[in-house]
């Protein structure tokens, strides 16, 4: 039951062109998630996995969920895997083609994961996407009818270490799980919920994330951007000569 909800939160998480990010950078217990996106909405076709009302743990209006979520809870059901070693298979044209896809969609358009794959081309997308059952989890992890957005977790694993990437992924999962729009309401209420739940159901995972990722403030501006996250893993790392800006 919980497994489906964790997966649903991840599968529907690809939501931005720039993902302009902000982080507290000075607290071991309270952090902000990436701020609202300034580009077009990006998502797989909604809903990717229909929400079965019989499998919803929290009744409507129960926001945030207060049942503590542990790393073991998530790991038993969505076992995060470290990304493969950095590759050099995505070139500037691949990144520019993906940028063009976003420009075409416009600020209110939607983009599917399949369209992202197509824009990147076969060779580049083979690095950016991986299978859930594979040995490694890349930027996007394929599941039936969509993908898990592992953008920040995989990127932070490359820039810091696997422990940091895993902690970030689990933290994201906890926030998404405890603050679902069906229970919370509109986007502003979901955002407020995610701030609140960091000291509630997700308190232990927030603390673990802060400890595992001491350089979060410098990593998030890179890893929250879909273009630079791909470039980190697939274009040679942070020192690659790739224009991954959102301009």
C-alpha atoms as a PDB file:
ATOM      1  CA  UNK A   1       0.000   0.000   0.000  1.00  0.00           C
ATOM      2  CA  UNK A   2       2.672   2.512   0.998  1.00  0.00           C
ATOM      3  CA  UNK A   3       4.866   1.353  -1.862  1.00  0.00           C
ATOM      4  CA  UNK A   4       2.443   2.636  -4.445  1.00  0.00           C
ATOM      5  CA  UNK A   5       2.120   6.015  -2.785  1.00  0.00           C
ATOM      6  CA  UNK A   6       5.881   6.505  -2.489  1.00  0.00           C
ATOM      7  CA  UNK A   7       6.247   5.614  -6.164  1.00  0.00           C
ATOM      8  CA  UNK A   8       3.406   7.941  -7.138  1.00  0.00           C
ATOM      9  CA  UNK A   9       5.067  10.866  -5.389  1.00  0.00           C
ATOM     10  CA  UNK A  10       8.303  10.307  -7.278  1.00  0.00           C
ATOM     11  CA  UNK A  11       6.829   9.519 -10.642  1.00  0.00           C
ATOM     12  CA  UNK A  12       4.944  12.808 -10.767  1.00  0.00           C
ATOM     13  CA  UNK A  13       7.811  14.929  -9.477  1.00  0.00           C
ATOM     14  CA  UNK A  14       9.426  16.195 -12.674  1.00  0.00           C
ATOM     15  CA  UNK A  15       8.213  19.772 -12.455  1.00  0.00           C
ATOM     16  CA  UNK A  16      10.536  22.376 -13.786  1.00  0.00           C
ATOM     17  CA  UNK A  17      12.797  24.059 -16.267  1.00  0.00           C
ATOM     18  CA  UNK A  18      15.039  25.892 -13.832  1.00  0.00           C
ATOM     19  CA  UNK A  19      13.937  24.641 -10.420  1.00  0.00           C
ATOM     20  CA  UNK A  20      15.454  27.778  -8.897  1.00  0.00           C
ATOM     21  CA  UNK A  21      16.581  26.568  -5.522  1.00  0.00           C
ATOM     22  CA  UNK A  22      16.947  27.930  -2.048  1.00  0.00           C
ATOM     23  CA  UNK A  23      18.333  26.197   1.011  1.00  0.00           C
ATOM     24  CA  UNK A  24      18.847  27.273   4.574  1.00  0.00           C
ATOM     25  CA  UNK A  25      22.499  26.249   4.477  1.00  0.00           C
ATOM     26  CA  UNK A  26      22.945  26.904   8.165  1.00  0.00           C
ATOM     27  CA  UNK A  27      20.646  24.521  10.005  1.00  0.00           C
ATOM     28  CA  UNK A  28      21.060  20.844  10.726  1.00  0.00           C
ATOM     29  CA  UNK A  29      17.358  20.268  11.196  1.00  0.00           C
ATOM     30  CA  UNK A  30      15.384  22.570   8.905  1.00  0.00           C
ATOM     31  CA  UNK A  31      15.849  22.886   5.173  1.00  0.00           C
ATOM     32  CA  UNK A  32      13.879  24.248   2.281  1.00  0.00           C
ATOM     33  CA  UNK A  33      13.065  22.218  -0.764  1.00  0.00           C
ATOM     34  CA  UNK A  34      13.725  23.702  -4.219  1.00  0.00           C
ATOM     35  CA  UNK A  35      11.656  26.823  -4.722  1.00  0.00           C
ATOM     36  CA  UNK A  36       8.912  27.134  -7.284  1.00  0.00           C
ATOM     37  CA  UNK A  37       9.871  26.620 -10.880  1.00  0.00           C
ATOM     38  CA  UNK A  38      10.149  29.616 -13.183  1.00  0.00           C
ATOM     39  CA  UNK A  39       9.828  27.599 -16.380  1.00  0.00           C
ATOM     40  CA  UNK A  40       7.057  25.517 -17.917  1.00  0.00           C
ATOM     41  CA  UNK A  41       5.507  22.741 -15.937  1.00  0.00           C
ATOM     42  CA  UNK A  42       7.099  19.416 -16.794  1.00  0.00           C
ATOM     43  CA  UNK A  43       5.401  16.186 -16.006  1.00  0.00           C
ATOM     44  CA  UNK A  44       4.551  12.831 -17.351  1.00  0.00           C
ATOM     45  CA  UNK A  45       0.971  12.486 -18.442  1.00  0.00           C
ATOM     46  CA  UNK A  46      -1.164  12.944 -15.374  1.00  0.00           C
ATOM     47  CA  UNK A  47      -1.975  10.777 -13.614  1.00  0.00           C
ATOM     48  CA  UNK A  48       0.880   8.420 -14.440  1.00  0.00           C
ATOM     49  CA  UNK A  49      -0.263   5.923 -11.839  1.00  0.00           C
ATOM     50  CA  UNK A  50      -3.951   6.382 -11.035  1.00  0.00           C
ATOM     51  CA  UNK A  51      -4.455   6.990  -7.353  1.00  0.00           C
ATOM     52  CA  UNK A  52      -6.513   4.164  -5.914  1.00  0.00           C
ATOM     53  CA  UNK A  53      -8.654   5.654  -3.162  1.00  0.00           C
ATOM     54  CA  UNK A  54      -8.609   2.311  -1.391  1.00  0.00           C
ATOM     55  CA  UNK A  55      -4.852   2.668  -0.967  1.00  0.00           C
ATOM     56  CA  UNK A  56      -4.687   6.198   0.417  1.00  0.00           C
ATOM     57  CA  UNK A  57      -3.434   6.062   3.998  1.00  0.00           C
ATOM     58  CA  UNK A  58      -4.393   9.546   5.090  1.00  0.00           C
ATOM     59  CA  UNK A  59      -8.025  10.671   4.969  1.00  0.00           C
ATOM     60  CA  UNK A  60      -8.860  13.842   3.080  1.00  0.00           C
ATOM     61  CA  UNK A  61      -7.804  16.921   5.033  1.00  0.00           C
ATOM     62  CA  UNK A  62      -5.096  15.107   7.020  1.00  0.00           C
ATOM     63  CA  UNK A  63      -2.214  17.354   5.997  1.00  0.00           C
ATOM     64  CA  UNK A  64       0.508  16.769   6.779  1.00  0.00           C
ATOM     65  CA  UNK A  65       0.462  13.095   7.597  1.00  0.00           C
ATOM     66  CA  UNK A  66       1.959  12.802  11.077  1.00  0.00           C
ATOM     67  CA  UNK A  67       3.035   9.160  11.048  1.00  0.00           C
ATOM     68  CA  UNK A  68       6.851   9.160  11.218  1.00  0.00           C
ATOM     69  CA  UNK A  69       8.574   7.976   8.029  1.00  0.00           C
ATOM     70  CA  UNK A  70      11.969   6.316   8.341  1.00  0.00           C
ATOM     71  CA  UNK A  71      14.742   5.639   5.856  1.00  0.00           C
ATOM     72  CA  UNK A  72      14.004   1.939   6.259  1.00  0.00           C
ATOM     73  CA  UNK A  73      10.357   2.495   5.291  1.00  0.00           C
ATOM     74  CA  UNK A  74      11.377   4.060   1.993  1.00  0.00           C
ATOM     75  CA  UNK A  75      14.381   1.857   1.305  1.00  0.00           C
ATOM     76  CA  UNK A  76      12.298  -1.305   1.706  1.00  0.00           C
ATOM     77  CA  UNK A  77       9.968  -0.140  -1.044  1.00  0.00           C
ATOM     78  CA  UNK A  78      11.994   2.219  -3.248  1.00  0.00           C
ATOM     79  CA  UNK A  79      15.573   1.079  -2.805  1.00  0.00           C
ATOM     80  CA  UNK A  80      17.632   3.961  -4.168  1.00  0.00           C
ATOM     81  CA  UNK A  81      20.778   3.068  -6.098  1.00  0.00           C
ATOM     82  CA  UNK A  82      23.831   5.188  -6.771  1.00  0.00           C
ATOM     83  CA  UNK A  83      24.289   6.492 -10.325  1.00  0.00           C
ATOM     84  CA  UNK A  84      26.851   5.018 -12.679  1.00  0.00           C
ATOM     85  CA  UNK A  85      30.248   6.656 -13.042  1.00  0.00           C
ATOM     86  CA  UNK A  86      30.229   9.980 -14.898  1.00  0.00           C
ATOM     87  CA  UNK A  87      30.022   9.549 -18.666  1.00  0.00           C
ATOM     88  CA  UNK A  88      30.811  11.821 -21.627  1.00  0.00           C
ATOM     89  CA  UNK A  89      28.035  10.871 -24.036  1.00  0.00           C
ATOM     90  CA  UNK A  90      25.822  13.986 -24.011  1.00  0.00           C
ATOM     91  CA  UNK A  91      27.079  16.889 -26.107  1.00  0.00           C
ATOM     92  CA  UNK A  92      26.004  20.518 -26.377  1.00  0.00           C
ATOM     93  CA  UNK A  93      23.520  19.748 -29.142  1.00  0.00           C
ATOM     94  CA  UNK A  94      21.762  17.191 -26.928  1.00  0.00           C
ATOM     95  CA  UNK A  95      21.366  19.756 -24.160  1.00  0.00           C
ATOM     96  CA  UNK A  96      20.327  22.485 -26.594  1.00  0.00           C
ATOM     97  CA  UNK A  97      17.714  20.199 -28.152  1.00  0.00           C
ATOM     98  CA  UNK A  98      16.251  19.609 -24.703  1.00  0.00           C
ATOM     99  CA  UNK A  99      16.235  23.347 -24.039  1.00  0.00           C
ATOM    100  CA  UNK A 100      14.372  23.859 -27.302  1.00  0.00           C
ATOM    101  CA  UNK A 101      11.733  21.391 -26.168  1.00  0.00           C
ATOM    102  CA  UNK A 102      11.099  23.508 -23.078  1.00  0.00           C
ATOM    103  CA  UNK A 103      10.994  26.721 -25.071  1.00  0.00           C
ATOM    104  CA  UNK A 104       8.454  25.204 -27.442  1.00  0.00           C
ATOM    105  CA  UNK A 105       6.278  24.092 -24.526  1.00  0.00           C
ATOM    106  CA  UNK A 106       6.203  27.606 -23.132  1.00  0.00           C
ATOM    107  CA  UNK A 107       5.741  28.658 -19.507  1.00  0.00           C
ATOM    108  CA  UNK A 108       2.471  26.781 -19.038  1.00  0.00           C
ATOM    109  CA  UNK A 109       3.070  23.783 -21.289  1.00  0.00           C
ATOM    110  CA  UNK A 110       3.721  20.205 -20.268  1.00  0.00           C
ATOM    111  CA  UNK A 111       6.421  17.818 -21.383  1.00  0.00           C
ATOM    112  CA  UNK A 112       6.444  14.048 -21.024  1.00  0.00           C
ATOM    113  CA  UNK A 113       9.402  11.900 -20.078  1.00  0.00           C
ATOM    114  CA  UNK A 114       9.169  10.256 -23.494  1.00  0.00           C
ATOM    115  CA  UNK A 115       9.625  13.659 -25.107  1.00  0.00           C
ATOM    116  CA  UNK A 116      12.683  14.306 -22.954  1.00  0.00           C
ATOM    117  CA  UNK A 117      14.159  10.997 -24.120  1.00  0.00           C
ATOM    118  CA  UNK A 118      13.494  11.836 -27.747  1.00  0.00           C
ATOM    119  CA  UNK A 119      14.984  15.319 -27.456  1.00  0.00           C
ATOM    120  CA  UNK A 120      18.181  13.992 -25.894  1.00  0.00           C
ATOM    121  CA  UNK A 121      18.667  11.342 -28.574  1.00  0.00           C
ATOM    122  CA  UNK A 122      19.361   7.649 -28.126  1.00  0.00           C
ATOM    123  CA  UNK A 123      22.950   7.839 -26.880  1.00  0.00           C
ATOM    124  CA  UNK A 124      22.479  10.680 -24.416  1.00  0.00           C
ATOM    125  CA  UNK A 125      19.141   9.426 -23.089  1.00  0.00           C
ATOM    126  CA  UNK A 126      20.688   6.001 -22.454  1.00  0.00           C
ATOM    127  CA  UNK A 127      22.824   7.758 -19.850  1.00  0.00           C
ATOM    128  CA  UNK A 128      20.141  10.083 -18.494  1.00  0.00           C
ATOM    129  CA  UNK A 129      17.537   7.325 -18.083  1.00  0.00           C
ATOM    130  CA  UNK A 130      17.891   3.974 -16.322  1.00  0.00           C
ATOM    131  CA  UNK A 131      15.636   1.082 -15.387  1.00  0.00           C
ATOM    132  CA  UNK A 132      14.328   0.755 -11.841  1.00  0.00           C
ATOM    133  CA  UNK A 133      15.629  -2.834 -11.745  1.00  0.00           C
ATOM    134  CA  UNK A 134      19.042  -1.910 -13.115  1.00  0.00           C
ATOM    135  CA  UNK A 135      22.315  -1.726 -11.215  1.00  0.00           C
ATOM    136  CA  UNK A 136      22.304   2.087 -11.121  1.00  0.00           C
ATOM    137  CA  UNK A 137      19.748   4.880 -10.920  1.00  0.00           C
ATOM    138  CA  UNK A 138      20.423   7.776 -13.243  1.00  0.00           C
ATOM    139  CA  UNK A 139      18.738  11.183 -13.507  1.00  0.00           C
ATOM    140  CA  UNK A 140      15.427   9.562 -14.414  1.00  0.00           C
ATOM    141  CA  UNK A 141      14.435   6.021 -13.485  1.00  0.00           C
ATOM    142  CA  UNK A 142      11.952   4.320 -15.774  1.00  0.00           C
ATOM    143  CA  UNK A 143       8.842   2.742 -14.329  1.00  0.00           C
ATOM    144  CA  UNK A 144       5.658   1.682 -16.135  1.00  0.00           C
ATOM    145  CA  UNK A 145       4.116   4.695 -17.901  1.00  0.00           C
ATOM    146  CA  UNK A 146       6.609   7.213 -16.577  1.00  0.00           C
ATOM    147  CA  UNK A 147       9.767   7.760 -14.600  1.00  0.00           C
ATOM    148  CA  UNK A 148      10.991   8.566 -11.118  1.00  0.00           C
ATOM    149  CA  UNK A 149      12.684  11.956 -10.985  1.00  0.00           C
ATOM    150  CA  UNK A 150      16.039  11.193  -9.367  1.00  0.00           C
ATOM    151  CA  UNK A 151      17.552  14.403 -10.699  1.00  0.00           C
ATOM    152  CA  UNK A 152      18.733  15.919  -7.433  1.00  0.00           C
ATOM    153  CA  UNK A 153      19.664  12.679  -5.682  1.00  0.00           C
ATOM    154  CA  UNK A 154      21.779  11.370  -8.556  1.00  0.00           C
ATOM    155  CA  UNK A 155      23.458  14.725  -9.138  1.00  0.00           C
ATOM    156  CA  UNK A 156      24.309  15.218  -5.459  1.00  0.00           C
ATOM    157  CA  UNK A 157      25.696  11.698  -5.374  1.00  0.00           C
ATOM    158  CA  UNK A 158      28.056  12.676  -8.185  1.00  0.00           C
ATOM    159  CA  UNK A 159      29.075  15.966  -6.566  1.00  0.00           C
ATOM    160  CA  UNK A 160      29.299  14.742  -2.942  1.00  0.00           C
ATOM    161  CA  UNK A 161      28.871  11.001  -2.438  1.00  0.00           C
ATOM    162  CA  UNK A 162      26.276   8.239  -2.625  1.00  0.00           C
ATOM    163  CA  UNK A 163      25.205   8.727   0.985  1.00  0.00           C
ATOM    164  CA  UNK A 164      24.278  12.323   0.236  1.00  0.00           C
ATOM    165  CA  UNK A 165      22.355  11.364  -2.899  1.00  0.00           C
ATOM    166  CA  UNK A 166      20.403   8.690  -1.086  1.00  0.00           C
ATOM    167  CA  UNK A 167      19.601  10.978   1.839  1.00  0.00           C
ATOM    168  CA  UNK A 168      18.315  13.640  -0.526  1.00  0.00           C
ATOM    169  CA  UNK A 169      16.127  11.160  -2.423  1.00  0.00           C
ATOM    170  CA  UNK A 170      14.639   9.779   0.784  1.00  0.00           C
ATOM    171  CA  UNK A 171      14.012  13.266   2.132  1.00  0.00           C
ATOM    172  CA  UNK A 172      12.192  14.243  -1.063  1.00  0.00           C
ATOM    173  CA  UNK A 173      10.146  11.050  -0.877  1.00  0.00           C
ATOM    174  CA  UNK A 174       9.123  11.727   2.711  1.00  0.00           C
ATOM    175  CA  UNK A 175       8.012  15.279   1.973  1.00  0.00           C
ATOM    176  CA  UNK A 176       6.074  14.204  -1.111  1.00  0.00           C
ATOM    177  CA  UNK A 177       4.424  11.354   0.775  1.00  0.00           C
ATOM    178  CA  UNK A 178       3.341  13.376   3.804  1.00  0.00           C
ATOM    179  CA  UNK A 179       2.170  16.397   1.805  1.00  0.00           C
ATOM    180  CA  UNK A 180       0.013  15.180  -1.053  1.00  0.00           C
ATOM    181  CA  UNK A 181      -2.156  17.646  -2.907  1.00  0.00           C
ATOM    182  CA  UNK A 182      -5.249  15.483  -2.469  1.00  0.00           C
ATOM    183  CA  UNK A 183      -5.033  16.011   1.286  1.00  0.00           C
ATOM    184  CA  UNK A 184      -3.404  19.458   1.466  1.00  0.00           C
ATOM    185  CA  UNK A 185      -5.132  21.443  -1.237  1.00  0.00           C
ATOM    186  CA  UNK A 186      -3.442  23.923  -3.542  1.00  0.00           C
ATOM    187  CA  UNK A 187       0.266  24.385  -4.274  1.00  0.00           C
ATOM    188  CA  UNK A 188       0.771  26.986  -1.556  1.00  0.00           C
ATOM    189  CA  UNK A 189      -0.681  24.648   1.054  1.00  0.00           C
ATOM    190  CA  UNK A 190       1.519  21.788  -0.138  1.00  0.00           C
ATOM    191  CA  UNK A 191       4.579  24.025   0.169  1.00  0.00           C
ATOM    192  CA  UNK A 192       3.582  25.093   3.683  1.00  0.00           C
ATOM    193  CA  UNK A 193       3.015  21.448   4.572  1.00  0.00           C
ATOM    194  CA  UNK A 194       6.499  20.478   3.404  1.00  0.00           C
ATOM    195  CA  UNK A 195       8.044  23.120   5.634  1.00  0.00           C
ATOM    196  CA  UNK A 196       6.008  21.887   8.599  1.00  0.00           C
ATOM    197  CA  UNK A 197       6.598  18.175   8.104  1.00  0.00           C
ATOM    198  CA  UNK A 198      10.385  18.616   8.261  1.00  0.00           C
ATOM    199  CA  UNK A 199      10.009  18.875  12.012  1.00  0.00           C
ATOM    200  CA  UNK A 200       7.212  16.301  12.105  1.00  0.00           C
ATOM    201  CA  UNK A 201       6.902  13.026  10.189  1.00  0.00           C
ATOM    202  CA  UNK A 202      10.131  13.692   8.273  1.00  0.00           C
ATOM    203  CA  UNK A 203      12.207  15.027  11.170  1.00  0.00           C
ATOM    204  CA  UNK A 204      14.706  12.146  11.269  1.00  0.00           C
ATOM    205  CA  UNK A 205      15.164  12.151   7.497  1.00  0.00           C
ATOM    206  CA  UNK A 206      15.639  15.941   7.507  1.00  0.00           C
ATOM    207  CA  UNK A 207      18.380  15.599  10.112  1.00  0.00           C
ATOM    208  CA  UNK A 208      20.006  12.760   8.196  1.00  0.00           C
ATOM    209  CA  UNK A 209      19.909  14.752   4.967  1.00  0.00           C
ATOM    210  CA  UNK A 210      21.485  17.820   6.572  1.00  0.00           C
ATOM    211  CA  UNK A 211      24.280  15.679   7.981  1.00  0.00           C
ATOM    212  CA  UNK A 212      24.921  13.751   4.754  1.00  0.00           C
ATOM    213  CA  UNK A 213      24.938  16.804   2.467  1.00  0.00           C
ATOM    214  CA  UNK A 214      26.969  19.570   4.118  1.00  0.00           C
ATOM    215  CA  UNK A 215      27.470  21.348   0.784  1.00  0.00           C
ATOM    216  CA  UNK A 216      23.808  21.465  -0.152  1.00  0.00           C
ATOM    217  CA  UNK A 217      23.789  25.236  -0.641  1.00  0.00           C
ATOM    218  CA  UNK A 218      26.274  25.047  -3.508  1.00  0.00           C
ATOM    219  CA  UNK A 219      24.951  21.799  -4.989  1.00  0.00           C
ATOM    220  CA  UNK A 220      21.245  22.596  -5.242  1.00  0.00           C
ATOM    221  CA  UNK A 221      21.549  25.382  -7.843  1.00  0.00           C
ATOM    222  CA  UNK A 222      23.326  22.856 -10.062  1.00  0.00           C
ATOM    223  CA  UNK A 223      21.313  19.747  -9.302  1.00  0.00           C
ATOM    224  CA  UNK A 224      17.881  21.381  -9.370  1.00  0.00           C
ATOM    225  CA  UNK A 225      18.442  22.458 -12.975  1.00  0.00           C
ATOM    226  CA  UNK A 226      17.501  19.613 -15.319  1.00  0.00           C
ATOM    227  CA  UNK A 227      20.113  20.627 -17.893  1.00  0.00           C
ATOM    228  CA  UNK A 228      23.059  20.806 -15.537  1.00  0.00           C
ATOM    229  CA  UNK A 229      21.957  17.654 -13.696  1.00  0.00           C
ATOM    230  CA  UNK A 230      22.177  15.781 -17.000  1.00  0.00           C
ATOM    231  CA  UNK A 231      25.494  17.423 -17.863  1.00  0.00           C
ATOM    232  CA  UNK A 232      27.012  16.401 -14.520  1.00  0.00           C
ATOM    233  CA  UNK A 233      26.335  12.700 -15.056  1.00  0.00           C
ATOM    234  CA  UNK A 234      26.471  12.473 -18.823  1.00  0.00           C
ATOM    235  CA  UNK A 235      28.695  15.260 -20.181  1.00  0.00           C
ATOM    236  CA  UNK A 236      31.837  14.815 -18.158  1.00  0.00           C
ATOM    237  CA  UNK A 237      30.995  16.271 -14.748  1.00  0.00           C
ATOM    238  CA  UNK A 238      30.957  19.782 -13.299  1.00  0.00           C
ATOM    239  CA  UNK A 239      34.023  20.910 -15.243  1.00  0.00           C
ATOM    240  CA  UNK A 240      32.646  19.917 -18.645  1.00  0.00           C
ATOM    241  CA  UNK A 241      32.435  22.681 -21.257  1.00  0.00           C
ATOM    242  CA  UNK A 242      28.656  22.480 -21.544  1.00  0.00           C
ATOM    243  CA  UNK A 243      26.307  25.443 -21.434  1.00  0.00           C
ATOM    244  CA  UNK A 244      23.623  24.078 -19.137  1.00  0.00           C
ATOM    245  CA  UNK A 245      22.170  27.442 -18.207  1.00  0.00           C
ATOM    246  CA  UNK A 246      18.447  28.006 -18.422  1.00  0.00           C
ATOM    247  CA  UNK A 247      18.826  31.139 -20.565  1.00  0.00           C
END
